[in-house]
């Protein structure tokens, strides 16, 4: 079993439960380099932040 870099683990644990669970499950089944993991965390965090932005009604 490969250890996760402590800084990456901290970033991973800050993700919402569902995203964190999916990523941890993937990491348990697939070898991933630290650089790849950092990129994956960043992509998931960006997507989650985008989903949390309030929708604005645009004028017609």
PDB file of N, CA and C in Angstrom:
ATOM      1  N   UNK A   1       0.847  -1.176   0.000  1.00  0.00           N
ATOM      2  CA  UNK A   1       0.000   0.000   0.000  1.00  0.00           C
ATOM      3  C   UNK A   1       0.896   1.245   0.000  1.00  0.00           C
ATOM      4  N   UNK A   2       0.566   2.198  -0.844  1.00  0.00           N
ATOM      5  CA  UNK A   2       1.343   3.430  -0.981  1.00  0.00           C
ATOM      6  C   UNK A   2       0.755   4.516  -0.086  1.00  0.00           C
ATOM      7  N   UNK A   3       1.619   5.272   0.534  1.00  0.00           N
ATOM      8  CA  UNK A   3       1.183   6.368   1.404  1.00  0.00           C
ATOM      9  C   UNK A   3       0.875   7.606   0.559  1.00  0.00           C
ATOM     10  N   UNK A   4      -0.146   8.357   0.976  1.00  0.00           N
ATOM     11  CA  UNK A   4      -0.493   9.615   0.315  1.00  0.00           C
ATOM     12  C   UNK A   4       0.293  10.729   1.000  1.00  0.00           C
ATOM     13  N   UNK A   5       0.831  11.634   0.207  1.00  0.00           N
ATOM     14  CA  UNK A   5       1.525  12.803   0.746  1.00  0.00           C
ATOM     15  C   UNK A   5       0.593  13.510   1.735  1.00  0.00           C
ATOM     16  N   UNK A   6       1.079  13.866   2.929  1.00  0.00           N
ATOM     17  CA  UNK A   6       0.210  14.494   3.939  1.00  0.00           C
ATOM     18  C   UNK A   6      -0.501  15.763   3.461  1.00  0.00           C
ATOM     19  N   UNK A   7       0.161  16.571   2.658  1.00  0.00           N
ATOM     20  CA  UNK A   7      -0.485  17.789   2.148  1.00  0.00           C
ATOM     21  C   UNK A   7      -1.615  17.453   1.186  1.00  0.00           C
ATOM     22  N   UNK A   8      -1.402  16.450   0.333  1.00  0.00           N
ATOM     23  CA  UNK A   8      -2.457  16.027  -0.590  1.00  0.00           C
ATOM     24  C   UNK A   8      -3.615  15.404   0.183  1.00  0.00           C
ATOM     25  N   UNK A   9      -3.285  14.642   1.222  1.00  0.00           N
ATOM     26  CA  UNK A   9      -4.329  14.030   2.036  1.00  0.00           C
ATOM     27  C   UNK A   9      -5.200  15.107   2.691  1.00  0.00           C
ATOM     28  N   UNK A  10      -4.574  16.161   3.181  1.00  0.00           N
ATOM     29  CA  UNK A  10      -5.323  17.267   3.790  1.00  0.00           C
ATOM     30  C   UNK A  10      -6.259  17.903   2.772  1.00  0.00           C
ATOM     31  N   UNK A  11      -5.754  18.151   1.567  1.00  0.00           N
ATOM     32  CA  UNK A  11      -6.599  18.734   0.508  1.00  0.00           C
ATOM     33  C   UNK A  11      -7.740  17.790   0.149  1.00  0.00           C
ATOM     34  N   UNK A  12      -7.437  16.499   0.082  1.00  0.00           N
ATOM     35  CA  UNK A  12      -8.444  15.495  -0.241  1.00  0.00           C
ATOM     36  C   UNK A  12      -9.542  15.471   0.816  1.00  0.00           C
ATOM     37  N   UNK A  13      -9.167  15.557   2.081  1.00  0.00           N
ATOM     38  CA  UNK A  13     -10.145  15.485   3.161  1.00  0.00           C
ATOM     39  C   UNK A  13     -11.023  16.732   3.248  1.00  0.00           C
ATOM     40  N   UNK A  14     -10.628  17.809   2.600  1.00  0.00           N
ATOM     41  CA  UNK A  14     -11.449  19.031   2.583  1.00  0.00           C
ATOM     42  C   UNK A  14     -12.560  18.968   1.540  1.00  0.00           C
ATOM     43  N   UNK A  15     -12.508  17.984   0.652  1.00  0.00           N
ATOM     44  CA  UNK A  15     -13.550  17.835  -0.368  1.00  0.00           C
ATOM     45  C   UNK A  15     -14.849  17.382   0.292  1.00  0.00           C
ATOM     46  N   UNK A  16     -15.987  17.641  -0.348  1.00  0.00           N
ATOM     47  CA  UNK A  16     -17.266  17.142   0.172  1.00  0.00           C
ATOM     48  C   UNK A  16     -17.255  15.612   0.265  1.00  0.00           C
ATOM     49  N   UNK A  17     -18.087  15.077   1.148  1.00  0.00           N
ATOM     50  CA  UNK A  17     -18.100  13.640   1.424  1.00  0.00           C
ATOM     51  C   UNK A  17     -18.171  12.771   0.174  1.00  0.00           C
ATOM     52  N   UNK A  18     -19.112  13.048  -0.711  1.00  0.00           N
ATOM     53  CA  UNK A  18     -19.302  12.199  -1.890  1.00  0.00           C
ATOM     54  C   UNK A  18     -18.071  12.215  -2.787  1.00  0.00           C
ATOM     55  N   UNK A  19     -17.535  13.393  -3.048  1.00  0.00           N
ATOM     56  CA  UNK A  19     -16.353  13.508  -3.908  1.00  0.00           C
ATOM     57  C   UNK A  19     -15.154  12.844  -3.253  1.00  0.00           C
ATOM     58  N   UNK A  20     -15.001  13.061  -1.955  1.00  0.00           N
ATOM     59  CA  UNK A  20     -13.884  12.464  -1.223  1.00  0.00           C
ATOM     60  C   UNK A  20     -13.980  10.940  -1.256  1.00  0.00           C
ATOM     61  N   UNK A  21     -15.168  10.413  -1.022  1.00  0.00           N
ATOM     62  CA  UNK A  21     -15.362   8.963  -1.038  1.00  0.00           C
ATOM     63  C   UNK A  21     -15.042   8.352  -2.389  1.00  0.00           C
ATOM     64  N   UNK A  22     -15.512   8.991  -3.447  1.00  0.00           N
ATOM     65  CA  UNK A  22     -15.234   8.491  -4.795  1.00  0.00           C
ATOM     66  C   UNK A  22     -13.741   8.486  -5.082  1.00  0.00           C
ATOM     67  N   UNK A  23     -13.078   9.557  -4.713  1.00  0.00           N
ATOM     68  CA  UNK A  23     -11.644   9.664  -4.978  1.00  0.00           C
ATOM     69  C   UNK A  23     -10.856   8.660  -4.136  1.00  0.00           C
ATOM     70  N   UNK A  24     -11.223   8.483  -2.880  1.00  0.00           N
ATOM     71  CA  UNK A  24     -10.538   7.503  -2.034  1.00  0.00           C
ATOM     72  C   UNK A  24     -10.740   6.087  -2.557  1.00  0.00           C
ATOM     73  N   UNK A  25     -11.935   5.791  -3.033  1.00  0.00           N
ATOM     74  CA  UNK A  25     -12.200   4.472  -3.608  1.00  0.00           C
ATOM     75  C   UNK A  25     -11.330   4.246  -4.839  1.00  0.00           C
ATOM     76  N   UNK A  26     -11.235   5.256  -5.690  1.00  0.00           N
ATOM     77  CA  UNK A  26     -10.394   5.169  -6.883  1.00  0.00           C
ATOM     78  C   UNK A  26      -8.935   4.957  -6.492  1.00  0.00           C
ATOM     79  N   UNK A  27      -8.460   5.708  -5.499  1.00  0.00           N
ATOM     80  CA  UNK A  27      -7.067   5.594  -5.060  1.00  0.00           C
ATOM     81  C   UNK A  27      -6.765   4.220  -4.483  1.00  0.00           C
ATOM     82  N   UNK A  28      -7.756   3.603  -3.860  1.00  0.00           N
ATOM     83  CA  UNK A  28      -7.560   2.264  -3.311  1.00  0.00           C
ATOM     84  C   UNK A  28      -7.423   1.201  -4.377  1.00  0.00           C
ATOM     85  N   UNK A  29      -7.950   1.468  -5.562  1.00  0.00           N
ATOM     86  CA  UNK A  29      -7.943   0.475  -6.630  1.00  0.00           C
ATOM     87  C   UNK A  29      -6.914   0.748  -7.714  1.00  0.00           C
ATOM     88  N   UNK A  30      -6.370   1.958  -7.756  1.00  0.00           N
ATOM     89  CA  UNK A  30      -5.515   2.362  -8.871  1.00  0.00           C
ATOM     90  C   UNK A  30      -4.271   3.077  -8.358  1.00  0.00           C
ATOM     91  N   UNK A  31      -3.091   2.671  -8.825  1.00  0.00           N
ATOM     92  CA  UNK A  31      -1.891   3.424  -8.436  1.00  0.00           C
ATOM     93  C   UNK A  31      -1.887   4.801  -9.102  1.00  0.00           C
ATOM     94  N   UNK A  32      -1.684   5.839  -8.306  1.00  0.00           N
ATOM     95  CA  UNK A  32      -1.713   7.216  -8.801  1.00  0.00           C
ATOM     96  C   UNK A  32      -0.503   7.959  -8.231  1.00  0.00           C
ATOM     97  N   UNK A  33       0.228   8.646  -9.092  1.00  0.00           N
ATOM     98  CA  UNK A  33       1.371   9.450  -8.652  1.00  0.00           C
ATOM     99  C   UNK A  33       0.871  10.712  -7.954  1.00  0.00           C
ATOM    100  N   UNK A  34       1.720  11.298  -7.122  1.00  0.00           N
ATOM    101  CA  UNK A  34       1.333  12.508  -6.389  1.00  0.00           C
ATOM    102  C   UNK A  34       0.892  13.635  -7.321  1.00  0.00           C
ATOM    103  N   UNK A  35       1.603  13.814  -8.428  1.00  0.00           N
ATOM    104  CA  UNK A  35       1.245  14.888  -9.369  1.00  0.00           C
ATOM    105  C   UNK A  35      -0.143  14.645  -9.956  1.00  0.00           C
ATOM    106  N   UNK A  36      -0.451  13.386 -10.279  1.00  0.00           N
ATOM    107  CA  UNK A  36      -1.774  13.058 -10.808  1.00  0.00           C
ATOM    108  C   UNK A  36      -2.846  13.298  -9.752  1.00  0.00           C
ATOM    109  N   UNK A  37      -2.558  12.899  -8.526  1.00  0.00           N
ATOM    110  CA  UNK A  37      -3.525  13.082  -7.447  1.00  0.00           C
ATOM    111  C   UNK A  37      -3.794  14.562  -7.208  1.00  0.00           C
ATOM    112  N   UNK A  38      -2.746  15.368  -7.209  1.00  0.00           N
ATOM    113  CA  UNK A  38      -2.914  16.811  -7.020  1.00  0.00           C
ATOM    114  C   UNK A  38      -3.814  17.387  -8.106  1.00  0.00           C
ATOM    115  N   UNK A  39      -3.608  16.954  -9.339  1.00  0.00           N
ATOM    116  CA  UNK A  39      -4.431  17.436 -10.455  1.00  0.00           C
ATOM    117  C   UNK A  39      -5.881  16.980 -10.302  1.00  0.00           C
ATOM    118  N   UNK A  40      -6.077  15.741  -9.884  1.00  0.00           N
ATOM    119  CA  UNK A  40      -7.433  15.222  -9.701  1.00  0.00           C
ATOM    120  C   UNK A  40      -8.165  15.992  -8.601  1.00  0.00           C
ATOM    121  N   UNK A  41      -7.482  16.244  -7.498  1.00  0.00           N
ATOM    122  CA  UNK A  41      -8.092  16.988  -6.396  1.00  0.00           C
ATOM    123  C   UNK A  41      -8.476  18.385  -6.865  1.00  0.00           C
ATOM    124  N   UNK A  42      -7.586  19.022  -7.606  1.00  0.00           N
ATOM    125  CA  UNK A  42      -7.855  20.376  -8.103  1.00  0.00           C
ATOM    126  C   UNK A  42      -9.067  20.385  -9.032  1.00  0.00           C
ATOM    127  N   UNK A  43      -9.149  19.396  -9.930  1.00  0.00           N
ATOM    128  CA  UNK A  43     -10.291  19.327 -10.855  1.00  0.00           C
ATOM    129  C   UNK A  43     -11.600  19.120 -10.108  1.00  0.00           C
ATOM    130  N   UNK A  44     -11.588  18.202  -9.142  1.00  0.00           N
ATOM    131  CA  UNK A  44     -12.805  17.936  -8.372  1.00  0.00           C
ATOM    132  C   UNK A  44     -13.197  19.174  -7.569  1.00  0.00           C
ATOM    133  N   UNK A  45     -12.230  19.820  -6.922  1.00  0.00           N
ATOM    134  CA  UNK A  45     -12.521  21.016  -6.125  1.00  0.00           C
ATOM    135  C   UNK A  45     -13.097  22.123  -7.002  1.00  0.00           C
ATOM    136  N   UNK A  46     -12.533  22.305  -8.186  1.00  0.00           N
ATOM    137  CA  UNK A  46     -13.031  23.331  -9.108  1.00  0.00           C
ATOM    138  C   UNK A  46     -14.457  23.018  -9.537  1.00  0.00           C
ATOM    139  N   UNK A  47     -14.725  21.761  -9.838  1.00  0.00           N
ATOM    140  CA  UNK A  47     -16.071  21.357 -10.253  1.00  0.00           C
ATOM    141  C   UNK A  47     -17.064  21.561  -9.116  1.00  0.00           C
ATOM    142  N   UNK A  48     -16.683  21.185  -7.906  1.00  0.00           N
ATOM    143  CA  UNK A  48     -17.572  21.334  -6.751  1.00  0.00           C
ATOM    144  C   UNK A  48     -17.852  22.808  -6.491  1.00  0.00           C
ATOM    145  N   UNK A  49     -16.821  23.646  -6.557  1.00  0.00           N
ATOM    146  CA  UNK A  49     -17.016  25.084  -6.356  1.00  0.00           C
ATOM    147  C   UNK A  49     -17.956  25.655  -7.409  1.00  0.00           C
ATOM    148  N   UNK A  50     -17.835  25.196  -8.645  1.00  0.00           N
ATOM    149  CA  UNK A  50     -18.715  25.657  -9.716  1.00  0.00           C
ATOM    150  C   UNK A  50     -20.153  25.243  -9.480  1.00  0.00           C
ATOM    151  N   UNK A  51     -20.342  24.043  -8.931  1.00  0.00           N
ATOM    152  CA  UNK A  51     -21.690  23.562  -8.643  1.00  0.00           C
ATOM    153  C   UNK A  51     -22.333  24.333  -7.498  1.00  0.00           C
ATOM    154  N   UNK A  52     -21.514  24.899  -6.615  1.00  0.00           N
ATOM    155  CA  UNK A  52     -22.046  25.606  -5.456  1.00  0.00           C
ATOM    156  C   UNK A  52     -22.362  27.066  -5.732  1.00  0.00           C
ATOM    157  N   UNK A  53     -21.892  27.591  -6.859  1.00  0.00           N
ATOM    158  CA  UNK A  53     -22.175  28.998  -7.187  1.00  0.00           C
ATOM    159  C   UNK A  53     -23.664  29.182  -7.417  1.00  0.00           C
ATOM    160  N   UNK A  54     -24.230  30.249  -6.875  1.00  0.00           N
ATOM    161  CA  UNK A  54     -25.667  30.477  -7.085  1.00  0.00           C
ATOM    162  C   UNK A  54     -25.958  30.803  -8.549  1.00  0.00           C
ATOM    163  N   UNK A  55     -27.075  30.311  -9.001  1.00  0.00           N
ATOM    164  CA  UNK A  55     -27.507  30.589 -10.371  1.00  0.00           C
ATOM    165  C   UNK A  55     -28.051  32.009 -10.415  1.00  0.00           C
ATOM    166  N   UNK A  56     -27.706  32.724 -11.468  1.00  0.00           N
ATOM    167  CA  UNK A  56     -28.219  34.085 -11.654  1.00  0.00           C
ATOM    168  C   UNK A  56     -29.126  34.100 -12.867  1.00  0.00           C
ATOM    169  N   UNK A  57     -30.244  34.756 -12.708  1.00  0.00           N
ATOM    170  CA  UNK A  57     -31.150  34.913 -13.842  1.00  0.00           C
ATOM    171  C   UNK A  57     -30.625  36.049 -14.706  1.00  0.00           C
ATOM    172  N   UNK A  58     -30.485  35.791 -15.970  1.00  0.00           N
ATOM    173  CA  UNK A  58     -30.021  36.810 -16.915  1.00  0.00           C
ATOM    174  C   UNK A  58     -31.236  37.538 -17.487  1.00  0.00           C
ATOM    175  N   UNK A  59     -31.133  38.842 -17.678  1.00  0.00           N
ATOM    176  CA  UNK A  59     -32.263  39.579 -18.267  1.00  0.00           C
ATOM    177  C   UNK A  59     -32.473  39.156 -19.721  1.00  0.00           C
ATOM    178  N   UNK A  60     -33.715  39.213 -20.152  1.00  0.00           N
ATOM    179  CA  UNK A  60     -34.042  38.831 -21.537  1.00  0.00           C
ATOM    180  C   UNK A  60     -33.656  39.888 -22.504  1.00  0.00           C
TER     181      UNK A  60
END
